[in-house]
Amino acid sequence: MFKNHKILCLINARGGSKGVPAKNVRPMNGKPLIGYSIECARNSSLIDHVLVSTDDRNIADVAISFGADVPFLRPAELASDKAKQIDAMIHAVGFLESRGERFDYICVLQPTCPLRAVED
C-alpha cells in the first residue's frame, strides 16, 4: 500500500509464443523467466497483490510456485497474437472486481523484462 492506496501488480504472460516457445517459463540463470518479475513484485513494500494473467496451465503453475495469484486462465480470445494487452488487463481487473477486490493503481510488469530491481 502506498499512501492509503491499494496497488495491484499485473503480469500478463501468454503461452503461445512463436519466436521462443515457452519463453515465460524458460530458465534464465537457473530461474524461470517469469519468476524474476513475480519476485520483484512480491519484494516491493508498495504492492498489495501480485496477479498473473495467463492462458497456459504450465505458466500458471510456475507463477503459483513463486507466490503469485492465478485465479483464472485467460480466455483464448485474449491470448492470441492479435489480442491487446489492455484487453487482458480489463479482463483481470473485472475478475477481481467481481470478487469485491478493488485497487487504486495497477503496476504492469512484463515477464520478458527481468532485469529490474525492486527499487525500480
PDB file of N, CA and C in Angstrom:
ATOM      1  N   MET A   1       0.844  -1.173   0.000  1.00  0.00           N
ATOM      2  CA  MET A   1       0.000   0.000   0.000  1.00  0.00           C
ATOM      3  C   MET A   1       0.893   1.241   0.000  1.00  0.00           C
ATOM      4  N   PHE A   2       0.449   2.237  -0.730  1.00  0.00           N
ATOM      5  CA  PHE A   2       1.192   3.485  -0.829  1.00  0.00           C
ATOM      6  C   PHE A   2       0.237   4.639  -0.548  1.00  0.00           C
ATOM      7  N   LYS A   3       0.485   5.353   0.534  1.00  0.00           N
ATOM      8  CA  LYS A   3      -0.350   6.496   0.907  1.00  0.00           C
ATOM      9  C   LYS A   3      -1.836   6.138   0.886  1.00  0.00           C
ATOM     10  N   ASN A   4      -2.166   5.029   1.512  1.00  0.00           N
ATOM     11  CA  ASN A   4      -3.551   4.536   1.611  1.00  0.00           C
ATOM     12  C   ASN A   4      -4.154   4.108   0.282  1.00  0.00           C
ATOM     13  N   HIS A   5      -3.344   3.830  -0.706  1.00  0.00           N
ATOM     14  CA  HIS A   5      -3.828   3.359  -1.997  1.00  0.00           C
ATOM     15  C   HIS A   5      -3.396   1.911  -2.199  1.00  0.00           C
ATOM     16  N   LYS A   6      -4.351   1.067  -2.605  1.00  0.00           N
ATOM     17  CA  LYS A   6      -4.040  -0.335  -2.886  1.00  0.00           C
ATOM     18  C   LYS A   6      -3.480  -0.454  -4.300  1.00  0.00           C
ATOM     19  N   ILE A   7      -2.409  -1.244  -4.407  1.00  0.00           N
ATOM     20  CA  ILE A   7      -1.733  -1.390  -5.702  1.00  0.00           C
ATOM     21  C   ILE A   7      -1.714  -2.851  -6.130  1.00  0.00           C
ATOM     22  N   LEU A   8      -2.193  -3.078  -7.337  1.00  0.00           N
ATOM     23  CA  LEU A   8      -2.175  -4.390  -7.965  1.00  0.00           C
ATOM     24  C   LEU A   8      -0.990  -4.461  -8.910  1.00  0.00           C
ATOM     25  N   CYS A   9      -0.230  -5.532  -8.838  1.00  0.00           N
ATOM     26  CA  CYS A   9       0.790  -5.798  -9.848  1.00  0.00           C
ATOM     27  C   CYS A   9       0.230  -6.863 -10.778  1.00  0.00           C
ATOM     28  N   LEU A  10       0.123  -6.543 -12.039  1.00  0.00           N
ATOM     29  CA  LEU A  10      -0.406  -7.461 -13.036  1.00  0.00           C
ATOM     30  C   LEU A  10       0.725  -7.882 -13.977  1.00  0.00           C
ATOM     31  N   ILE A  11       0.879  -9.180 -14.123  1.00  0.00           N
ATOM     32  CA  ILE A  11       1.882  -9.733 -15.026  1.00  0.00           C
ATOM     33  C   ILE A  11       1.132 -10.566 -16.068  1.00  0.00           C
ATOM     34  N   ASN A  12       1.129 -10.100 -17.316  1.00  0.00           N
ATOM     35  CA  ASN A  12       0.478 -10.823 -18.413  1.00  0.00           C
ATOM     36  C   ASN A  12       1.503 -11.729 -19.080  1.00  0.00           C
ATOM     37  N   ALA A  13       1.173 -13.013 -19.152  1.00  0.00           N
ATOM     38  CA  ALA A  13       2.108 -13.982 -19.736  1.00  0.00           C
ATOM     39  C   ALA A  13       1.335 -15.030 -20.519  1.00  0.00           C
ATOM     40  N   ARG A  14       1.269 -14.843 -21.815  1.00  0.00           N
ATOM     41  CA  ARG A  14       0.555 -15.840 -22.611  1.00  0.00           C
ATOM     42  C   ARG A  14       1.481 -16.980 -22.997  1.00  0.00           C
ATOM     43  N   GLY A  15       0.881 -18.091 -23.315  1.00  0.00           N
ATOM     44  CA  GLY A  15       1.671 -19.285 -23.580  1.00  0.00           C
ATOM     45  C   GLY A  15       2.034 -19.517 -25.030  1.00  0.00           C
ATOM     46  N   GLY A  16       1.445 -18.806 -25.959  1.00  0.00           N
ATOM     47  CA  GLY A  16       1.611 -19.142 -27.368  1.00  0.00           C
ATOM     48  C   GLY A  16       2.721 -18.441 -28.113  1.00  0.00           C
ATOM     49  N   SER A  17       3.850 -18.234 -27.513  1.00  0.00           N
ATOM     50  CA  SER A  17       4.939 -17.559 -28.207  1.00  0.00           C
ATOM     51  C   SER A  17       5.428 -18.394 -29.382  1.00  0.00           C
ATOM     52  N   LYS A  18       5.537 -17.751 -30.538  1.00  0.00           N
ATOM     53  CA  LYS A  18       6.023 -18.458 -31.725  1.00  0.00           C
ATOM     54  C   LYS A  18       7.531 -18.324 -31.873  1.00  0.00           C
ATOM     55  N   GLY A  19       8.069 -17.169 -31.506  1.00  0.00           N
ATOM     56  CA  GLY A  19       9.505 -16.917 -31.662  1.00  0.00           C
ATOM     57  C   GLY A  19      10.350 -17.758 -30.729  1.00  0.00           C
ATOM     58  N   VAL A  20       9.994 -17.759 -29.460  1.00  0.00           N
ATOM     59  CA  VAL A  20      10.715 -18.543 -28.450  1.00  0.00           C
ATOM     60  C   VAL A  20       9.666 -19.322 -27.660  1.00  0.00           C
ATOM     61  N   PRO A  21       9.416 -20.565 -28.054  1.00  0.00           N
ATOM     62  CA  PRO A  21       8.386 -21.353 -27.376  1.00  0.00           C
ATOM     63  C   PRO A  21       8.628 -21.448 -25.863  1.00  0.00           C
ATOM     64  N   ALA A  22       7.545 -21.289 -25.117  1.00  0.00           N
ATOM     65  CA  ALA A  22       7.557 -21.384 -23.653  1.00  0.00           C
ATOM     66  C   ALA A  22       8.531 -20.394 -23.008  1.00  0.00           C
ATOM     67  N   LYS A  23       8.707 -19.235 -23.634  1.00  0.00           N
ATOM     68  CA  LYS A  23       9.711 -18.279 -23.157  1.00  0.00           C
ATOM     69  C   LYS A  23       9.467 -17.818 -21.727  1.00  0.00           C
ATOM     70  N   ASN A  24       8.229 -17.693 -21.300  1.00  0.00           N
ATOM     71  CA  ASN A  24       7.949 -17.172 -19.969  1.00  0.00           C
ATOM     72  C   ASN A  24       8.364 -18.104 -18.839  1.00  0.00           C
ATOM     73  N   VAL A  25       8.529 -19.374 -19.151  1.00  0.00           N
ATOM     74  CA  VAL A  25       8.954 -20.328 -18.120  1.00  0.00           C
ATOM     75  C   VAL A  25      10.327 -20.925 -18.407  1.00  0.00           C
ATOM     76  N   ARG A  26      10.958 -20.472 -19.470  1.00  0.00           N
ATOM     77  CA  ARG A  26      12.318 -20.947 -19.761  1.00  0.00           C
ATOM     78  C   ARG A  26      13.285 -20.457 -18.707  1.00  0.00           C
ATOM     79  N   PRO A  27      14.223 -21.306 -18.319  1.00  0.00           N
ATOM     80  CA  PRO A  27      15.171 -20.870 -17.288  1.00  0.00           C
ATOM     81  C   PRO A  27      16.156 -19.832 -17.806  1.00  0.00           C
ATOM     82  N   MET A  28      16.381 -18.851 -16.965  1.00  0.00           N
ATOM     83  CA  MET A  28      17.408 -17.851 -17.219  1.00  0.00           C
ATOM     84  C   MET A  28      18.220 -17.751 -15.930  1.00  0.00           C
ATOM     85  N   ASN A  29      19.465 -18.144 -16.014  1.00  0.00           N
ATOM     86  CA  ASN A  29      20.321 -18.166 -14.835  1.00  0.00           C
ATOM     87  C   ASN A  29      19.706 -19.018 -13.716  1.00  0.00           C
ATOM     88  N   GLY A  30      19.105 -20.141 -14.110  1.00  0.00           N
ATOM     89  CA  GLY A  30      18.578 -21.103 -13.143  1.00  0.00           C
ATOM     90  C   GLY A  30      17.179 -20.832 -12.621  1.00  0.00           C
ATOM     91  N   LYS A  31      16.484 -19.828 -13.168  1.00  0.00           N
ATOM     92  CA  LYS A  31      15.144 -19.482 -12.684  1.00  0.00           C
ATOM     93  C   LYS A  31      14.237 -19.239 -13.886  1.00  0.00           C
ATOM     94  N   PRO A  32      12.978 -19.670 -13.829  1.00  0.00           N
ATOM     95  CA  PRO A  32      12.067 -19.361 -14.935  1.00  0.00           C
ATOM     96  C   PRO A  32      11.955 -17.849 -15.129  1.00  0.00           C
ATOM     97  N   LEU A  33      11.898 -17.424 -16.366  1.00  0.00           N
ATOM     98  CA  LEU A  33      11.883 -16.002 -16.693  1.00  0.00           C
ATOM     99  C   LEU A  33      10.816 -15.239 -15.900  1.00  0.00           C
ATOM    100  N   ILE A  34       9.618 -15.769 -15.816  1.00  0.00           N
ATOM    101  CA  ILE A  34       8.530 -15.081 -15.114  1.00  0.00           C
ATOM    102  C   ILE A  34       8.808 -14.952 -13.614  1.00  0.00           C
ATOM    103  N   GLY A  35       9.627 -15.828 -13.078  1.00  0.00           N
ATOM    104  CA  GLY A  35       9.951 -15.798 -11.650  1.00  0.00           C
ATOM    105  C   GLY A  35      10.597 -14.496 -11.220  1.00  0.00           C
ATOM    106  N   TYR A  36      11.384 -13.879 -12.090  1.00  0.00           N
ATOM    107  CA  TYR A  36      12.045 -12.614 -11.750  1.00  0.00           C
ATOM    108  C   TYR A  36      11.019 -11.499 -11.508  1.00  0.00           C
ATOM    109  N   SER A  37      10.026 -11.414 -12.370  1.00  0.00           N
ATOM    110  CA  SER A  37       9.008 -10.375 -12.216  1.00  0.00           C
ATOM    111  C   SER A  37       8.165 -10.608 -10.971  1.00  0.00           C
ATOM    112  N   ILE A  38       7.805 -11.851 -10.727  1.00  0.00           N
ATOM    113  CA  ILE A  38       7.000 -12.160  -9.542  1.00  0.00           C
ATOM    114  C   ILE A  38       7.777 -11.847  -8.272  1.00  0.00           C
ATOM    115  N   GLU A  39       9.019 -12.258  -8.215  1.00  0.00           N
ATOM    116  CA  GLU A  39       9.828 -11.987  -7.013  1.00  0.00           C
ATOM    117  C   GLU A  39      10.005 -10.486  -6.794  1.00  0.00           C
ATOM    118  N   CYS A  40      10.226  -9.741  -7.850  1.00  0.00           N
ATOM    119  CA  CYS A  40      10.394  -8.302  -7.734  1.00  0.00           C
ATOM    120  C   CYS A  40       9.125  -7.675  -7.148  1.00  0.00           C
ATOM    121  N   ALA A  41       7.978  -8.056  -7.668  1.00  0.00           N
ATOM    122  CA  ALA A  41       6.710  -7.511  -7.175  1.00  0.00           C
ATOM    123  C   ALA A  41       6.456  -7.911  -5.726  1.00  0.00           C
ATOM    124  N   ARG A  42       6.719  -9.163  -5.403  1.00  0.00           N
ATOM    125  CA  ARG A  42       6.469  -9.637  -4.033  1.00  0.00           C
ATOM    126  C   ARG A  42       7.418  -8.985  -3.025  1.00  0.00           C
ATOM    127  N   ASN A  43       8.594  -8.588  -3.467  1.00  0.00           N
ATOM    128  CA  ASN A  43       9.552  -7.952  -2.567  1.00  0.00           C
ATOM    129  C   ASN A  43       9.327  -6.447  -2.409  1.00  0.00           C
ATOM    130  N   SER A  44       8.401  -5.902  -3.178  1.00  0.00           N
ATOM    131  CA  SER A  44       8.105  -4.481  -3.073  1.00  0.00           C
ATOM    132  C   SER A  44       7.143  -4.237  -1.912  1.00  0.00           C
ATOM    133  N   SER A  45       7.461  -3.265  -1.092  1.00  0.00           N
ATOM    134  CA  SER A  45       6.577  -2.921   0.022  1.00  0.00           C
ATOM    135  C   SER A  45       5.341  -2.157  -0.465  1.00  0.00           C
ATOM    136  N   LEU A  46       5.320  -1.764  -1.724  1.00  0.00           N
ATOM    137  CA  LEU A  46       4.206  -0.991  -2.266  1.00  0.00           C
ATOM    138  C   LEU A  46       3.096  -1.858  -2.848  1.00  0.00           C
ATOM    139  N   ILE A  47       3.436  -3.052  -3.297  1.00  0.00           N
ATOM    140  CA  ILE A  47       2.490  -3.921  -3.990  1.00  0.00           C
ATOM    141  C   ILE A  47       1.653  -4.701  -2.980  1.00  0.00           C
ATOM    142  N   ASP A  48       0.324  -4.655  -3.164  1.00  0.00           N
ATOM    143  CA  ASP A  48      -0.590  -5.376  -2.277  1.00  0.00           C
ATOM    144  C   ASP A  48      -0.979  -6.746  -2.813  1.00  0.00           C
ATOM    145  N   HIS A  49      -0.972  -6.900  -4.129  1.00  0.00           N
ATOM    146  CA  HIS A  49      -1.455  -8.152  -4.734  1.00  0.00           C
ATOM    147  C   HIS A  49      -0.700  -8.376  -6.039  1.00  0.00           C
ATOM    148  N   VAL A  50      -0.202  -9.584  -6.235  1.00  0.00           N
ATOM    149  CA  VAL A  50       0.504  -9.940  -7.477  1.00  0.00           C
ATOM    150  C   VAL A  50      -0.348 -10.966  -8.213  1.00  0.00           C
ATOM    151  N   LEU A  51      -0.812 -10.595  -9.391  1.00  0.00           N
ATOM    152  CA  LEU A  51      -1.675 -11.467 -10.177  1.00  0.00           C
ATOM    153  C   LEU A  51      -1.032 -11.733 -11.536  1.00  0.00           C
ATOM    154  N   VAL A  52      -1.013 -12.988 -11.932  1.00  0.00           N
ATOM    155  CA  VAL A  52      -0.547 -13.367 -13.266  1.00  0.00           C
ATOM    156  C   VAL A  52      -1.763 -13.749 -14.092  1.00  0.00           C
ATOM    157  N   SER A  53      -1.881 -13.118 -15.249  1.00  0.00           N
ATOM    158  CA  SER A  53      -2.941 -13.442 -16.200  1.00  0.00           C
ATOM    159  C   SER A  53      -2.300 -14.247 -17.332  1.00  0.00           C
ATOM    160  N   THR A  54      -2.746 -15.489 -17.465  1.00  0.00           N
ATOM    161  CA  THR A  54      -2.182 -16.380 -18.485  1.00  0.00           C
ATOM    162  C   THR A  54      -3.258 -17.305 -19.015  1.00  0.00           C
ATOM    163  N   ASP A  55      -3.005 -17.843 -20.176  1.00  0.00           N
ATOM    164  CA  ASP A  55      -3.883 -18.846 -20.766  1.00  0.00           C
ATOM    165  C   ASP A  55      -3.264 -20.239 -20.658  1.00  0.00           C
ATOM    166  N   ASP A  56      -2.094 -20.323 -20.058  1.00  0.00           N
ATOM    167  CA  ASP A  56      -1.288 -21.546 -20.074  1.00  0.00           C
ATOM    168  C   ASP A  56      -1.144 -22.138 -18.672  1.00  0.00           C
ATOM    169  N   ARG A  57      -1.546 -23.407 -18.524  1.00  0.00           N
ATOM    170  CA  ARG A  57      -1.515 -24.062 -17.206  1.00  0.00           C
ATOM    171  C   ARG A  57      -0.093 -24.181 -16.658  1.00  0.00           C
ATOM    172  N   ASN A  58       0.878 -24.427 -17.522  1.00  0.00           N
ATOM    173  CA  ASN A  58       2.269 -24.542 -17.071  1.00  0.00           C
ATOM    174  C   ASN A  58       2.770 -23.207 -16.513  1.00  0.00           C
ATOM    175  N   ILE A  59       2.473 -22.108 -17.207  1.00  0.00           N
ATOM    176  CA  ILE A  59       2.852 -20.784 -16.713  1.00  0.00           C
ATOM    177  C   ILE A  59       2.155 -20.531 -15.379  1.00  0.00           C
ATOM    178  N   ALA A  60       0.885 -20.883 -15.297  1.00  0.00           N
ATOM    179  CA  ALA A  60       0.130 -20.692 -14.055  1.00  0.00           C
ATOM    180  C   ALA A  60       0.783 -21.446 -12.901  1.00  0.00           C
ATOM    181  N   ASP A  61       1.166 -22.687 -13.136  1.00  0.00           N
ATOM    182  CA  ASP A  61       1.783 -23.495 -12.079  1.00  0.00           C
ATOM    183  C   ASP A  61       3.104 -22.886 -11.610  1.00  0.00           C
ATOM    184  N   VAL A  62       3.915 -22.432 -12.558  1.00  0.00           N
ATOM    185  CA  VAL A  62       5.192 -21.798 -12.192  1.00  0.00           C
ATOM    186  C   VAL A  62       4.924 -20.505 -11.420  1.00  0.00           C
ATOM    187  N   ALA A  63       3.971 -19.707 -11.891  1.00  0.00           N
ATOM    188  CA  ALA A  63       3.642 -18.446 -11.214  1.00  0.00           C
ATOM    189  C   ALA A  63       3.183 -18.698  -9.779  1.00  0.00           C
ATOM    190  N   ILE A  64       2.344 -19.686  -9.590  1.00  0.00           N
ATOM    191  CA  ILE A  64       1.864 -20.033  -8.246  1.00  0.00           C
ATOM    192  C   ILE A  64       3.030 -20.471  -7.367  1.00  0.00           C
ATOM    193  N   SER A  65       3.950 -21.230  -7.936  1.00  0.00           N
ATOM    194  CA  SER A  65       5.094 -21.703  -7.149  1.00  0.00           C
ATOM    195  C   SER A  65       5.979 -20.552  -6.682  1.00  0.00           C
ATOM    196  N   PHE A  66       5.928 -19.403  -7.380  1.00  0.00           N
ATOM    197  CA  PHE A  66       6.689 -18.220  -6.983  1.00  0.00           C
ATOM    198  C   PHE A  66       5.861 -17.271  -6.107  1.00  0.00           C
ATOM    199  N   GLY A  67       4.626 -17.660  -5.815  1.00  0.00           N
ATOM    200  CA  GLY A  67       3.806 -16.885  -4.891  1.00  0.00           C
ATOM    201  C   GLY A  67       2.822 -15.925  -5.518  1.00  0.00           C
ATOM    202  N   ALA A  68       2.610 -16.006  -6.819  1.00  0.00           N
ATOM    203  CA  ALA A  68       1.634 -15.136  -7.478  1.00  0.00           C
ATOM    204  C   ALA A  68       0.244 -15.753  -7.380  1.00  0.00           C
ATOM    205  N   ASP A  69      -0.754 -14.918  -7.493  1.00  0.00           N
ATOM    206  CA  ASP A  69      -2.141 -15.364  -7.556  1.00  0.00           C
ATOM    207  C   ASP A  69      -2.484 -15.605  -9.019  1.00  0.00           C
ATOM    208  N   VAL A  70      -3.052 -16.756  -9.311  1.00  0.00           N
ATOM    209  CA  VAL A  70      -3.512 -17.073 -10.670  1.00  0.00           C
ATOM    210  C   VAL A  70      -4.920 -17.643 -10.520  1.00  0.00           C
ATOM    211  N   PRO A  71      -5.922 -16.769 -10.349  1.00  0.00           N
ATOM    212  CA  PRO A  71      -7.271 -17.244 -10.037  1.00  0.00           C
ATOM    213  C   PRO A  71      -8.097 -17.696 -11.238  1.00  0.00           C
ATOM    214  N   PHE A  72      -7.554 -17.549 -12.443  1.00  0.00           N
ATOM    215  CA  PHE A  72      -8.269 -17.941 -13.654  1.00  0.00           C
ATOM    216  C   PHE A  72      -7.253 -18.186 -14.750  1.00  0.00           C
ATOM    217  N   LEU A  73      -7.693 -18.898 -15.785  1.00  0.00           N
ATOM    218  CA  LEU A  73      -6.922 -18.976 -17.027  1.00  0.00           C
ATOM    219  C   LEU A  73      -7.596 -18.027 -18.012  1.00  0.00           C
ATOM    220  N   ARG A  74      -6.798 -17.200 -18.621  1.00  0.00           N
ATOM    221  CA  ARG A  74      -7.303 -16.181 -19.535  1.00  0.00           C
ATOM    222  C   ARG A  74      -7.997 -16.836 -20.735  1.00  0.00           C
ATOM    223  N   PRO A  75      -9.139 -16.291 -21.168  1.00  0.00           N
ATOM    224  CA  PRO A  75      -9.819 -16.824 -22.352  1.00  0.00           C
ATOM    225  C   PRO A  75      -8.932 -16.765 -23.598  1.00  0.00           C
ATOM    226  N   ALA A  76      -9.100 -17.732 -24.468  1.00  0.00           N
ATOM    227  CA  ALA A  76      -8.268 -17.848 -25.668  1.00  0.00           C
ATOM    228  C   ALA A  76      -8.284 -16.580 -26.523  1.00  0.00           C
ATOM    229  N   GLU A  77      -9.422 -15.912 -26.620  1.00  0.00           N
ATOM    230  CA  GLU A  77      -9.500 -14.715 -27.454  1.00  0.00           C
ATOM    231  C   GLU A  77      -8.661 -13.555 -26.898  1.00  0.00           C
ATOM    232  N   LEU A  78      -8.268 -13.647 -25.641  1.00  0.00           N
ATOM    233  CA  LEU A  78      -7.410 -12.625 -25.035  1.00  0.00           C
ATOM    234  C   LEU A  78      -5.942 -13.056 -24.988  1.00  0.00           C
ATOM    235  N   ALA A  79      -5.637 -14.166 -25.669  1.00  0.00           N
ATOM    236  CA  ALA A  79      -4.269 -14.681 -25.648  1.00  0.00           C
ATOM    237  C   ALA A  79      -3.737 -14.971 -27.051  1.00  0.00           C
ATOM    238  N   SER A  80      -4.398 -14.441 -28.056  1.00  0.00           N
ATOM    239  CA  SER A  80      -3.948 -14.680 -29.432  1.00  0.00           C
ATOM    240  C   SER A  80      -2.856 -13.681 -29.798  1.00  0.00           C
ATOM    241  N   ASP A  81      -2.264 -13.895 -30.968  1.00  0.00           N
ATOM    242  CA  ASP A  81      -1.248 -12.970 -31.476  1.00  0.00           C
ATOM    243  C   ASP A  81      -1.815 -11.558 -31.669  1.00  0.00           C
ATOM    244  N   LYS A  82      -3.092 -11.474 -31.948  1.00  0.00           N
ATOM    245  CA  LYS A  82      -3.725 -10.187 -32.243  1.00  0.00           C
ATOM    246  C   LYS A  82      -4.342  -9.538 -30.995  1.00  0.00           C
ATOM    247  N   ALA A  83      -4.400 -10.261 -29.901  1.00  0.00           N
ATOM    248  CA  ALA A  83      -5.011  -9.729 -28.679  1.00  0.00           C
ATOM    249  C   ALA A  83      -4.188  -8.569 -28.133  1.00  0.00           C
ATOM    250  N   LYS A  84      -4.875  -7.591 -27.571  1.00  0.00           N
ATOM    251  CA  LYS A  84      -4.212  -6.434 -26.987  1.00  0.00           C
ATOM    252  C   LYS A  84      -4.060  -6.640 -25.487  1.00  0.00           C
ATOM    253  N   GLN A  85      -2.925  -6.208 -24.979  1.00  0.00           N
ATOM    254  CA  GLN A  85      -2.644  -6.358 -23.559  1.00  0.00           C
ATOM    255  C   GLN A  85      -3.689  -5.636 -22.701  1.00  0.00           C
ATOM    256  N   ILE A  86      -4.169  -4.499 -23.164  1.00  0.00           N
ATOM    257  CA  ILE A  86      -5.155  -3.743 -22.391  1.00  0.00           C
ATOM    258  C   ILE A  86      -6.426  -4.564 -22.179  1.00  0.00           C
ATOM    259  N   ASP A  87      -6.798  -5.374 -23.169  1.00  0.00           N
ATOM    260  CA  ASP A  87      -7.998  -6.190 -23.024  1.00  0.00           C
ATOM    261  C   ASP A  87      -7.800  -7.275 -21.960  1.00  0.00           C
ATOM    262  N   ALA A  88      -6.607  -7.842 -21.896  1.00  0.00           N
ATOM    263  CA  ALA A  88      -6.304  -8.821 -20.850  1.00  0.00           C
ATOM    264  C   ALA A  88      -6.293  -8.139 -19.483  1.00  0.00           C
ATOM    265  N   MET A  89      -5.831  -6.904 -19.422  1.00  0.00           N
ATOM    266  CA  MET A  89      -5.827  -6.146 -18.167  1.00  0.00           C
ATOM    267  C   MET A  89      -7.258  -5.863 -17.706  1.00  0.00           C
ATOM    268  N   ILE A  90      -8.106  -5.435 -18.630  1.00  0.00           N
ATOM    269  CA  ILE A  90      -9.502  -5.151 -18.300  1.00  0.00           C
ATOM    270  C   ILE A  90     -10.181  -6.418 -17.799  1.00  0.00           C
ATOM    271  N   HIS A  91      -9.888  -7.541 -18.428  1.00  0.00           N
ATOM    272  CA  HIS A  91     -10.447  -8.828 -18.000  1.00  0.00           C
ATOM    273  C   HIS A  91     -10.016  -9.158 -16.573  1.00  0.00           C
ATOM    274  N   ALA A  92      -8.736  -9.002 -16.282  1.00  0.00           N
ATOM    275  CA  ALA A  92      -8.217  -9.333 -14.947  1.00  0.00           C
ATOM    276  C   ALA A  92      -8.824  -8.428 -13.876  1.00  0.00           C
ATOM    277  N   VAL A  93      -8.878  -7.134 -14.138  1.00  0.00           N
ATOM    278  CA  VAL A  93      -9.448  -6.193 -13.169  1.00  0.00           C
ATOM    279  C   VAL A  93     -10.938  -6.483 -12.982  1.00  0.00           C
ATOM    280  N   GLY A  94     -11.633  -6.783 -14.063  1.00  0.00           N
ATOM    281  CA  GLY A  94     -13.046  -7.140 -13.964  1.00  0.00           C
ATOM    282  C   GLY A  94     -13.269  -8.388 -13.124  1.00  0.00           C
ATOM    283  N   PHE A  95     -12.398  -9.368 -13.289  1.00  0.00           N
ATOM    284  CA  PHE A  95     -12.490 -10.584 -12.487  1.00  0.00           C
ATOM    285  C   PHE A  95     -12.329 -10.253 -11.004  1.00  0.00           C
ATOM    286  N   LEU A  96     -11.309  -9.475 -10.685  1.00  0.00           N
ATOM    287  CA  LEU A  96     -11.083  -9.106  -9.282  1.00  0.00           C
ATOM    288  C   LEU A  96     -12.254  -8.306  -8.727  1.00  0.00           C
ATOM    289  N   GLU A  97     -12.776  -7.384  -9.506  1.00  0.00           N
ATOM    290  CA  GLU A  97     -13.900  -6.579  -9.037  1.00  0.00           C
ATOM    291  C   GLU A  97     -15.133  -7.442  -8.793  1.00  0.00           C
ATOM    292  N   SER A  98     -15.297  -8.495  -9.595  1.00  0.00           N
ATOM    293  CA  SER A  98     -16.450  -9.394  -9.382  1.00  0.00           C
ATOM    294  C   SER A  98     -16.344 -10.132  -8.053  1.00  0.00           C
ATOM    295  N   ARG A  99     -15.127 -10.201  -7.513  1.00  0.00           N
ATOM    296  CA  ARG A  99     -14.908 -10.817  -6.196  1.00  0.00           C
ATOM    297  C   ARG A  99     -14.870  -9.759  -5.094  1.00  0.00           C
ATOM    298  N   GLY A 100     -15.153  -8.515  -5.448  1.00  0.00           N
ATOM    299  CA  GLY A 100     -15.166  -7.447  -4.462  1.00  0.00           C
ATOM    300  C   GLY A 100     -13.808  -6.850  -4.170  1.00  0.00           C
ATOM    301  N   GLU A 101     -12.808  -7.155  -4.993  1.00  0.00           N
ATOM    302  CA  GLU A 101     -11.465  -6.615  -4.799  1.00  0.00           C
ATOM    303  C   GLU A 101     -11.269  -5.417  -5.715  1.00  0.00           C
ATOM    304  N   ARG A 102     -10.868  -4.307  -5.116  1.00  0.00           N
ATOM    305  CA  ARG A 102     -10.644  -3.077  -5.879  1.00  0.00           C
ATOM    306  C   ARG A 102      -9.261  -2.534  -5.577  1.00  0.00           C
ATOM    307  N   PHE A 103      -8.661  -1.929  -6.588  1.00  0.00           N
ATOM    308  CA  PHE A 103      -7.316  -1.372  -6.465  1.00  0.00           C
ATOM    309  C   PHE A 103      -7.323   0.053  -6.991  1.00  0.00           C
ATOM    310  N   ASP A 104      -6.462   0.864  -6.419  1.00  0.00           N
ATOM    311  CA  ASP A 104      -6.355   2.253  -6.837  1.00  0.00           C
ATOM    312  C   ASP A 104      -5.377   2.427  -8.000  1.00  0.00           C
ATOM    313  N   TYR A 105      -4.344   1.580  -8.022  1.00  0.00           N
ATOM    314  CA  TYR A 105      -3.324   1.654  -9.061  1.00  0.00           C
ATOM    315  C   TYR A 105      -2.995   0.254  -9.562  1.00  0.00           C
ATOM    316  N   ILE A 106      -2.535   0.203 -10.811  1.00  0.00           N
ATOM    317  CA  ILE A 106      -2.071  -1.055 -11.397  1.00  0.00           C
ATOM    318  C   ILE A 106      -0.639  -0.842 -11.877  1.00  0.00           C
ATOM    319  N   CYS A 107       0.229  -1.730 -11.453  1.00  0.00           N
ATOM    320  CA  CYS A 107       1.607  -1.766 -11.918  1.00  0.00           C
ATOM    321  C   CYS A 107       1.710  -2.976 -12.849  1.00  0.00           C
ATOM    322  N   VAL A 108       2.140  -2.765 -14.068  1.00  0.00           N
ATOM    323  CA  VAL A 108       2.265  -3.864 -15.028  1.00  0.00           C
ATOM    324  C   VAL A 108       3.745  -4.186 -15.188  1.00  0.00           C
ATOM    325  N   LEU A 109       4.089  -5.440 -14.932  1.00  0.00           N
ATOM    326  CA  LEU A 109       5.459  -5.905 -15.157  1.00  0.00           C
ATOM    327  C   LEU A 109       5.442  -6.912 -16.299  1.00  0.00           C
ATOM    328  N   GLN A 110       6.328  -6.712 -17.258  1.00  0.00           N
ATOM    329  CA  GLN A 110       6.457  -7.650 -18.371  1.00  0.00           C
ATOM    330  C   GLN A 110       7.375  -8.792 -17.955  1.00  0.00           C
ATOM    331  N   PRO A 111       6.954 -10.027 -18.103  1.00  0.00           N
ATOM    332  CA  PRO A 111       7.823 -11.136 -17.710  1.00  0.00           C
ATOM    333  C   PRO A 111       9.078 -11.249 -18.568  1.00  0.00           C
ATOM    334  N   THR A 112       9.048 -10.640 -19.750  1.00  0.00           N
ATOM    335  CA  THR A 112      10.204 -10.709 -20.649  1.00  0.00           C
ATOM    336  C   THR A 112      11.205  -9.587 -20.392  1.00  0.00           C
ATOM    337  N   CYS A 113      11.005  -8.833 -19.335  1.00  0.00           N
ATOM    338  CA  CYS A 113      11.944  -7.773 -18.929  1.00  0.00           C
ATOM    339  C   CYS A 113      12.377  -8.034 -17.491  1.00  0.00           C
ATOM    340  N   PRO A 114      13.200  -9.032 -17.275  1.00  0.00           N
ATOM    341  CA  PRO A 114      13.522  -9.429 -15.902  1.00  0.00           C
ATOM    342  C   PRO A 114      14.599  -8.608 -15.217  1.00  0.00           C
ATOM    343  N   LEU A 115      15.320  -7.797 -15.957  1.00  0.00           N
ATOM    344  CA  LEU A 115      16.447  -7.078 -15.378  1.00  0.00           C
ATOM    345  C   LEU A 115      16.002  -5.758 -14.760  1.00  0.00           C
ATOM    346  N   ARG A 116      15.409  -5.889 -13.583  1.00  0.00           N
ATOM    347  CA  ARG A 116      14.962  -4.715 -12.831  1.00  0.00           C
ATOM    348  C   ARG A 116      15.211  -5.004 -11.365  1.00  0.00           C
ATOM    349  N   ALA A 117      15.311  -3.964 -10.591  1.00  0.00           N
ATOM    350  CA  ALA A 117      15.460  -4.100  -9.145  1.00  0.00           C
ATOM    351  C   ALA A 117      14.157  -3.678  -8.480  1.00  0.00           C
ATOM    352  N   VAL A 118      13.911  -4.154  -7.285  1.00  0.00           N
ATOM    353  CA  VAL A 118      12.685  -3.812  -6.577  1.00  0.00           C
ATOM    354  C   VAL A 118      12.572  -2.295  -6.395  1.00  0.00           C
ATOM    355  N   GLU A 119      13.687  -1.608  -6.293  1.00  0.00           N
ATOM    356  CA  GLU A 119      13.670  -0.146  -6.161  1.00  0.00           C
ATOM    357  C   GLU A 119      13.106   0.543  -7.405  1.00  0.00           C
ATOM    358  N   ASP A 120      13.196  -0.122  -8.536  1.00  0.00           N
ATOM    359  CA  ASP A 120      12.677   0.447  -9.783  1.00  0.00           C
ATOM    360  C   ASP A 120      11.174   0.582  -9.708  1.00  0.00           C
TER     361      ASP A 120
END
